Amino acid sequence: MIEPQYGDVICVNHGIYNHFGIFVDKNHIIHYSGKNDDFLLRKMVIRETGIDDFLGDSDKYYVYKFSQDKASKVSRTRAKGLDRELAQGAYALYMLYRIKNKVKFKIYSPEETVERARSRIGERRFSLVSNNCEHFAIWCKTGVTQSFQVNTVMKAVFIKYLVYED
């Protein structure tokens, strides 16, 4: 079983979406956090919480490993509680492939990654479409502000719109 290390991007699957954060240690995950009853997402703020708060009702998470060598592969490693066949793995690898091959990026060191994450603690600019937890975590590690969850939904919406438009 892989354990996350300082500065790693980690992700927990919550069924219909993935939640991302930056791992500092078991007592410190930096991520967009809010109240469970905040359906309009108005109380979302970047904060440093323990892993239990980050995981919510799940104990299953992924650890993303980004290589400094841009010619090498980027990998997603299953971590605590995840089965090898979990379909989520395909999405995670796709996301990393897109960052690796389609977007100019830099891989920040673990120290720089955590420093970038901490520089945004207290931020309340959450937007599901343009500034969510995935945008935040991937930006901390790579400088790229992307959410492939959002991109996937947007593509599906636009494809449906284009296909069914008369």
Protein backbone atom coordinates (compact mmCIF):
# COMPACT_ATOMS: atom_id res chain seq x y z
CA MET A 1 0.00 0.00 0.00
CA ILE A 2 1.39 3.41 -0.98
CA GLU A 3 1.42 6.23 1.52
CA PRO A 4 1.29 9.84 0.35
CA GLN A 5 4.38 11.95 0.94
CA TYR A 6 4.91 15.64 1.63
CA GLY A 7 3.76 17.71 -1.35
CA ASP A 8 1.83 14.95 -3.13
CA VAL A 9 -1.47 15.58 -4.88
CA ILE A 10 -4.06 13.25 -3.41
CA CYS A 11 -7.59 12.53 -4.54
CA VAL A 12 -10.61 10.88 -2.97
CA ASN A 13 -13.54 9.58 -4.99
CA HIS A 14 -16.94 10.71 -3.71
CA GLY A 15 -19.03 8.85 -6.25
CA ILE A 16 -20.02 11.50 -8.78
CA TYR A 17 -16.89 13.61 -8.34
CA ASN A 18 -13.29 13.47 -7.15
CA HIS A 19 -11.96 15.72 -4.40
CA PHE A 20 -8.33 16.89 -4.58
CA GLY A 21 -5.85 18.27 -2.08
CA ILE A 22 -2.18 18.68 -1.24
CA PHE A 23 -0.76 16.26 1.32
CA VAL A 24 1.44 17.73 4.05
CA ASP A 25 1.02 14.94 6.61
CA LYS A 26 -1.87 12.92 8.08
CA ASN A 27 -2.93 15.93 10.14
CA HIS A 28 -2.54 18.50 7.36
CA ILE A 29 -4.17 18.31 3.94
CA ILE A 30 -4.61 21.62 2.12
CA HIS A 31 -7.81 21.66 0.07
CA TYR A 32 -11.06 23.45 -0.64
CA SER A 33 -13.26 22.59 2.31
CA GLY A 34 -16.80 23.51 3.18
CA LYS A 35 -19.79 22.49 5.22
CA ASN A 36 -21.68 19.35 4.25
CA ASP A 37 -24.99 21.25 4.15
CA ASP A 38 -23.64 23.96 1.83
CA PHE A 39 -25.34 22.83 -1.38
CA LEU A 40 -24.67 26.16 -3.09
CA LEU A 41 -20.94 25.88 -2.27
CA ARG A 42 -20.82 29.41 -0.82
CA LYS A 43 -18.78 28.48 2.24
CA MET A 44 -15.94 26.73 0.41
CA VAL A 45 -12.54 27.93 1.60
CA ILE A 46 -9.00 26.65 1.16
CA ARG A 47 -7.87 25.38 4.53
CA GLU A 48 -5.53 22.93 6.16
CA THR A 49 -7.41 20.04 7.76
CA GLY A 50 -6.74 16.49 8.88
CA ILE A 51 -7.03 13.56 6.52
CA ASP A 52 -10.38 12.48 8.03
CA ASP A 53 -11.96 15.81 7.09
CA PHE A 54 -10.47 15.54 3.60
CA LEU A 55 -11.69 11.97 3.06
CA GLY A 56 -15.19 12.56 4.42
CA ASP A 57 -17.11 9.29 4.37
CA SER A 58 -14.45 7.48 2.37
CA ASP A 59 -11.17 5.89 3.35
CA LYS A 60 -10.08 5.37 -0.27
CA TYR A 61 -7.73 7.74 -2.01
CA TYR A 62 -5.20 8.06 -4.83
CA VAL A 63 -1.71 9.50 -4.72
CA TYR A 64 -0.49 11.23 -7.88
CA LYS A 65 3.22 11.10 -8.68
CA PHE A 66 4.66 13.65 -11.09
CA SER A 67 8.17 13.04 -12.43
CA GLN A 68 10.64 15.91 -12.85
CA ASP A 69 11.73 14.19 -16.08
CA LYS A 70 9.18 15.37 -18.63
CA ALA A 71 10.04 12.46 -20.91
CA SER A 72 9.02 9.90 -18.30
CA LYS A 73 5.54 8.74 -17.46
CA VAL A 74 3.35 10.39 -14.85
CA SER A 75 1.56 7.87 -12.70
CA ARG A 76 -1.41 7.53 -10.42
CA THR A 77 -0.87 5.05 -7.63
CA ARG A 78 -3.67 3.39 -5.78
CA ALA A 79 -3.53 3.94 -2.09
CA LYS A 80 -5.48 2.91 0.97
CA GLY A 81 -8.57 0.83 0.29
CA LEU A 82 -8.68 0.97 -3.51
CA ASP A 83 -9.19 -2.10 -5.64
CA ARG A 84 -7.04 -2.53 -8.73
CA GLU A 85 -10.03 -2.69 -11.08
CA LEU A 86 -11.62 0.53 -9.86
CA ALA A 87 -12.79 2.45 -12.93
CA GLN A 88 -11.58 5.67 -11.37
CA GLY A 89 -8.03 4.69 -12.28
CA ALA A 90 -8.73 5.22 -15.97
CA TYR A 91 -9.87 8.77 -15.32
CA ALA A 92 -6.84 9.55 -13.15
CA LEU A 93 -4.41 8.34 -15.79
CA TYR A 94 -6.28 10.27 -18.47
CA MET A 95 -6.02 13.47 -16.43
CA LEU A 96 -2.29 13.06 -15.95
CA TYR A 97 -1.80 12.17 -19.61
CA ARG A 98 -3.55 15.37 -20.65
CA ILE A 99 -1.37 17.50 -18.38
CA LYS A 100 1.74 15.68 -19.53
CA ASN A 101 1.12 15.80 -23.25
CA LYS A 102 -1.16 18.73 -24.02
CA VAL A 103 -0.24 21.58 -21.68
CA LYS A 104 3.01 23.37 -20.91
CA PHE A 105 3.80 22.84 -17.24
CA LYS A 106 6.47 22.76 -14.56
CA ILE A 107 6.69 20.21 -11.77
CA TYR A 108 7.21 21.99 -8.47
CA SER A 109 9.20 20.34 -5.69
CA PRO A 110 7.28 19.06 -2.66
CA GLU A 111 8.41 22.13 -0.71
CA GLU A 112 7.32 24.52 -3.47
CA THR A 113 4.02 22.66 -3.87
CA VAL A 114 3.16 23.02 -0.19
CA GLU A 115 4.32 26.64 -0.19
CA ARG A 116 2.05 27.38 -3.17
CA ALA A 117 -0.86 25.63 -1.42
CA ARG A 118 -0.30 27.51 1.85
CA SER A 119 -0.14 30.81 -0.04
CA ARG A 120 -3.82 30.34 -0.88
CA ILE A 121 -5.12 29.28 2.56
CA GLY A 122 -8.19 31.36 3.39
CA GLU A 123 -9.13 31.86 -0.26
CA ARG A 124 -12.89 31.88 -0.84
CA ARG A 125 -13.02 32.04 -4.64
CA PHE A 126 -14.44 28.56 -5.22
CA SER A 127 -16.11 28.06 -8.58
CA LEU A 128 -17.24 24.63 -9.66
CA VAL A 129 -16.37 25.44 -13.27
CA SER A 130 -13.27 27.65 -13.04
CA ASN A 131 -11.66 27.34 -9.58
CA ASN A 132 -12.45 24.07 -7.83
CA CYS A 133 -10.35 21.71 -5.71
CA GLU A 134 -8.88 20.01 -8.77
CA HIS A 135 -7.86 23.34 -10.33
CA PHE A 136 -6.23 24.23 -7.01
CA ALA A 137 -4.29 21.00 -6.40
CA ILE A 138 -3.04 20.60 -9.97
CA TRP A 139 -2.00 24.29 -10.02
CA CYS A 140 -0.02 23.83 -6.79
CA LYS A 141 1.97 20.95 -8.33
CA THR A 142 2.24 21.99 -12.00
CA GLY A 143 1.25 25.64 -12.40
CA VAL A 144 -1.57 24.47 -14.67
CA THR A 145 -5.09 25.59 -13.77
CA GLN A 146 -7.16 22.74 -15.17
CA SER A 147 -9.97 20.49 -14.08
CA PHE A 148 -10.37 17.52 -16.33
CA GLN A 149 -13.57 16.60 -14.49
CA VAL A 150 -15.04 19.93 -15.61
CA ASN A 151 -13.56 19.57 -19.09
CA THR A 152 -15.09 16.11 -19.46
CA VAL A 153 -18.55 17.35 -18.46
CA MET A 154 -18.27 20.41 -20.70
CA LYS A 155 -17.26 18.27 -23.67
CA ALA A 156 -20.21 15.97 -23.05
CA VAL A 157 -22.61 18.93 -22.86
CA PHE A 158 -21.24 20.58 -25.98
CA ILE A 159 -21.11 17.33 -27.94
CA LYS A 160 -24.73 16.62 -27.03
CA TYR A 161 -25.67 20.18 -27.96
CA LEU A 162 -23.85 19.99 -31.30
CA VAL A 163 -25.17 16.52 -32.14
CA TYR A 164 -28.81 17.32 -31.38
CA GLU A 165 -28.90 20.85 -32.75
CA ASP A 166 -30.96 21.17 -35.94
